Amino acid sequence: MGGQLGLDDLADREWRRSGLCNGGTCLEIAVLGDSVEVRNSADQNGPVLSVTHDAWGAFLAIIRCGGLEG
């Protein structure tokens, strides 16, 4: 949050993904101080979304209760 990140900055992050990811396109996250960074595992040099911990928690709560199903 606050500034442009370069590829070197992103490479230093500890990225992780769900154990349910079968090698396809998945979300990867890196937890940093005040934010959670989110990227597409299939495009690791692509855009990164930075959200607050509260926003990430709200997103997970929606997913867990099936709130994004068709």
N, C-alpha and C. Protein backbone atom coordinates (compact mmCIF):
# COMPACT_ATOMS: atom_id res chain seq x y z
N MET A 1 0.85 -1.16 0.00
CA MET A 1 0.00 0.00 0.00
C MET A 1 0.89 1.22 0.00
N GLY A 2 0.62 2.11 -0.91
CA GLY A 2 1.40 3.31 -0.96
C GLY A 2 2.68 3.14 -1.76
N GLY A 3 2.61 3.14 -3.06
CA GLY A 3 3.80 3.06 -3.87
C GLY A 3 3.78 1.88 -4.81
N GLN A 4 4.59 2.01 -5.83
CA GLN A 4 4.69 0.97 -6.86
C GLN A 4 5.70 -0.08 -6.42
N LEU A 5 5.36 -1.33 -6.53
CA LEU A 5 6.28 -2.41 -6.19
C LEU A 5 6.96 -2.90 -7.47
N GLY A 6 8.26 -3.14 -7.37
CA GLY A 6 8.99 -3.72 -8.50
C GLY A 6 9.00 -5.24 -8.39
N LEU A 7 9.42 -5.91 -9.46
CA LEU A 7 9.46 -7.37 -9.46
C LEU A 7 10.40 -7.92 -8.40
N ASP A 8 11.51 -7.20 -8.13
CA ASP A 8 12.43 -7.65 -7.09
C ASP A 8 11.76 -7.63 -5.72
N ASP A 9 10.92 -6.60 -5.47
CA ASP A 9 10.20 -6.53 -4.21
C ASP A 9 9.27 -7.73 -4.04
N LEU A 10 8.61 -8.13 -5.12
CA LEU A 10 7.65 -9.23 -5.06
C LEU A 10 8.35 -10.57 -4.89
N ALA A 11 9.53 -10.72 -5.46
CA ALA A 11 10.25 -11.98 -5.38
C ALA A 11 10.67 -12.29 -3.94
N ASP A 12 10.87 -11.25 -3.14
CA ASP A 12 11.29 -11.43 -1.75
C ASP A 12 10.16 -11.86 -0.83
N ARG A 13 8.94 -11.82 -1.31
CA ARG A 13 7.78 -12.18 -0.49
C ARG A 13 7.71 -13.70 -0.31
N GLU A 14 7.12 -14.12 0.80
CA GLU A 14 6.87 -15.55 1.01
C GLU A 14 5.46 -15.83 0.52
N TRP A 15 5.32 -16.22 -0.74
CA TRP A 15 4.03 -16.48 -1.35
C TRP A 15 3.57 -17.88 -0.99
N ARG A 16 2.28 -18.02 -0.75
CA ARG A 16 1.71 -19.35 -0.46
C ARG A 16 0.34 -19.46 -1.11
N ARG A 17 -0.06 -20.71 -1.30
CA ARG A 17 -1.38 -20.97 -1.90
C ARG A 17 -2.03 -22.15 -1.19
N SER A 18 -3.28 -22.33 -1.42
CA SER A 18 -4.04 -23.40 -0.80
C SER A 18 -3.47 -24.76 -1.19
N GLY A 19 -3.52 -25.69 -0.25
CA GLY A 19 -3.15 -27.06 -0.54
C GLY A 19 -4.13 -27.72 -1.50
N LEU A 20 -5.29 -27.09 -1.71
CA LEU A 20 -6.28 -27.61 -2.65
C LEU A 20 -5.99 -27.22 -4.08
N CYS A 21 -5.03 -26.34 -4.28
CA CYS A 21 -4.65 -25.92 -5.63
C CYS A 21 -4.01 -27.11 -6.34
N ASN A 22 -4.52 -27.43 -7.51
CA ASN A 22 -4.05 -28.62 -8.22
C ASN A 22 -3.03 -28.28 -9.31
N GLY A 23 -2.35 -27.16 -9.18
CA GLY A 23 -1.36 -26.78 -10.17
C GLY A 23 -1.93 -25.88 -11.26
N GLY A 24 -3.22 -25.64 -11.21
CA GLY A 24 -3.84 -24.73 -12.17
C GLY A 24 -3.68 -23.29 -11.72
N THR A 25 -4.55 -22.45 -12.19
CA THR A 25 -4.51 -21.05 -11.79
C THR A 25 -5.15 -20.91 -10.41
N CYS A 26 -4.36 -20.43 -9.47
CA CYS A 26 -4.82 -20.27 -8.10
C CYS A 26 -4.42 -18.88 -7.60
N LEU A 27 -5.01 -18.49 -6.50
CA LEU A 27 -4.56 -17.27 -5.83
C LEU A 27 -3.37 -17.62 -4.96
N GLU A 28 -2.39 -16.73 -4.93
CA GLU A 28 -1.29 -16.82 -4.00
C GLU A 28 -1.35 -15.58 -3.13
N ILE A 29 -0.99 -15.73 -1.86
CA ILE A 29 -0.99 -14.59 -0.96
C ILE A 29 0.36 -14.48 -0.26
N ALA A 30 0.68 -13.25 0.10
CA ALA A 30 1.84 -12.96 0.94
C ALA A 30 1.35 -11.99 2.00
N VAL A 31 1.55 -12.34 3.26
CA VAL A 31 1.11 -11.49 4.36
C VAL A 31 2.26 -10.56 4.73
N LEU A 32 1.98 -9.27 4.72
CA LEU A 32 2.96 -8.25 5.08
C LEU A 32 2.36 -7.41 6.18
N GLY A 33 3.17 -6.79 6.99
CA GLY A 33 2.72 -5.95 8.08
C GLY A 33 1.23 -5.65 8.12
N ASP A 34 0.82 -4.61 7.45
CA ASP A 34 -0.58 -4.15 7.49
C ASP A 34 -1.42 -4.63 6.33
N SER A 35 -0.87 -5.47 5.46
CA SER A 35 -1.62 -5.83 4.26
C SER A 35 -1.44 -7.30 3.89
N VAL A 36 -2.32 -7.73 3.01
CA VAL A 36 -2.24 -9.05 2.39
C VAL A 36 -2.11 -8.79 0.89
N GLU A 37 -1.07 -9.31 0.28
CA GLU A 37 -0.84 -9.18 -1.15
C GLU A 37 -1.43 -10.41 -1.83
N VAL A 38 -2.12 -10.21 -2.95
CA VAL A 38 -2.79 -11.31 -3.66
C VAL A 38 -2.37 -11.26 -5.13
N ARG A 39 -2.01 -12.42 -5.69
CA ARG A 39 -1.66 -12.48 -7.12
C ARG A 39 -2.15 -13.79 -7.72
N ASN A 40 -2.11 -13.86 -9.03
CA ASN A 40 -2.48 -15.05 -9.80
C ASN A 40 -1.25 -15.93 -9.91
N SER A 41 -1.34 -17.18 -9.50
CA SER A 41 -0.19 -18.08 -9.53
C SER A 41 0.31 -18.34 -10.95
N ALA A 42 -0.57 -18.22 -11.94
CA ALA A 42 -0.18 -18.47 -13.33
C ALA A 42 0.53 -17.27 -13.95
N ASP A 43 0.47 -16.11 -13.29
CA ASP A 43 1.10 -14.89 -13.81
C ASP A 43 1.84 -14.21 -12.67
N GLN A 44 2.90 -14.82 -12.20
CA GLN A 44 3.59 -14.34 -11.02
C GLN A 44 4.27 -12.99 -11.21
N ASN A 45 4.44 -12.56 -12.44
CA ASN A 45 5.00 -11.23 -12.70
C ASN A 45 3.90 -10.22 -13.02
N GLY A 46 2.66 -10.65 -12.90
CA GLY A 46 1.52 -9.78 -13.22
C GLY A 46 1.15 -8.89 -12.05
N PRO A 47 -0.02 -8.30 -12.12
CA PRO A 47 -0.46 -7.36 -11.09
C PRO A 47 -0.65 -8.04 -9.73
N VAL A 48 -0.47 -7.25 -8.69
CA VAL A 48 -0.65 -7.70 -7.31
C VAL A 48 -1.65 -6.77 -6.65
N LEU A 49 -2.63 -7.36 -6.01
CA LEU A 49 -3.64 -6.60 -5.27
C LEU A 49 -3.23 -6.57 -3.80
N SER A 50 -3.26 -5.39 -3.21
CA SER A 50 -2.93 -5.23 -1.81
C SER A 50 -4.19 -4.83 -1.06
N VAL A 51 -4.56 -5.63 -0.04
CA VAL A 51 -5.76 -5.35 0.74
C VAL A 51 -5.42 -5.39 2.23
N THR A 52 -6.28 -4.79 3.03
CA THR A 52 -6.09 -4.83 4.48
C THR A 52 -6.42 -6.23 5.00
N HIS A 53 -5.95 -6.51 6.20
CA HIS A 53 -6.29 -7.79 6.83
C HIS A 53 -7.80 -7.91 7.04
N ASP A 54 -8.45 -6.81 7.38
CA ASP A 54 -9.91 -6.84 7.56
C ASP A 54 -10.62 -7.18 6.26
N ALA A 55 -10.18 -6.57 5.16
CA ALA A 55 -10.81 -6.84 3.86
C ALA A 55 -10.58 -8.30 3.45
N TRP A 56 -9.38 -8.82 3.68
CA TRP A 56 -9.08 -10.23 3.35
C TRP A 56 -9.95 -11.16 4.20
N GLY A 57 -10.10 -10.86 5.48
CA GLY A 57 -10.95 -11.66 6.36
C GLY A 57 -12.40 -11.65 5.91
N ALA A 58 -12.88 -10.50 5.47
CA ALA A 58 -14.26 -10.39 4.98
C ALA A 58 -14.43 -11.22 3.70
N PHE A 59 -13.45 -11.17 2.81
CA PHE A 59 -13.49 -11.96 1.58
C PHE A 59 -13.55 -13.46 1.91
N LEU A 60 -12.70 -13.91 2.83
CA LEU A 60 -12.71 -15.32 3.22
C LEU A 60 -14.04 -15.73 3.84
N ALA A 61 -14.63 -14.86 4.65
CA ALA A 61 -15.93 -15.16 5.28
C ALA A 61 -17.00 -15.34 4.21
N ILE A 62 -16.98 -14.50 3.18
CA ILE A 62 -17.95 -14.62 2.09
C ILE A 62 -17.78 -15.94 1.36
N ILE A 63 -16.51 -16.30 1.08
CA ILE A 63 -16.23 -17.56 0.40
C ILE A 63 -16.71 -18.75 1.23
N ARG A 64 -16.41 -18.73 2.51
CA ARG A 64 -16.76 -19.84 3.39
C ARG A 64 -18.26 -20.07 3.50
N CYS A 65 -19.04 -19.01 3.38
CA CYS A 65 -20.50 -19.19 3.49
C CYS A 65 -21.16 -19.33 2.11
N GLY A 66 -20.34 -19.49 1.06
CA GLY A 66 -20.87 -19.71 -0.28
C GLY A 66 -21.45 -18.47 -0.92
N GLY A 67 -21.05 -17.29 -0.47
CA GLY A 67 -21.61 -16.05 -0.96
C GLY A 67 -21.29 -15.69 -2.39
N LEU A 68 -20.32 -16.34 -3.03
CA LEU A 68 -19.96 -16.02 -4.42
C LEU A 68 -20.45 -17.06 -5.41
N GLU A 69 -21.19 -18.02 -4.94
CA GLU A 69 -21.71 -19.06 -5.85
C GLU A 69 -22.78 -18.45 -6.76
N GLY A 70 -22.77 -18.90 -8.03
CA GLY A 70 -23.66 -18.44 -9.08
C GLY A 70 -25.02 -18.11 -8.65
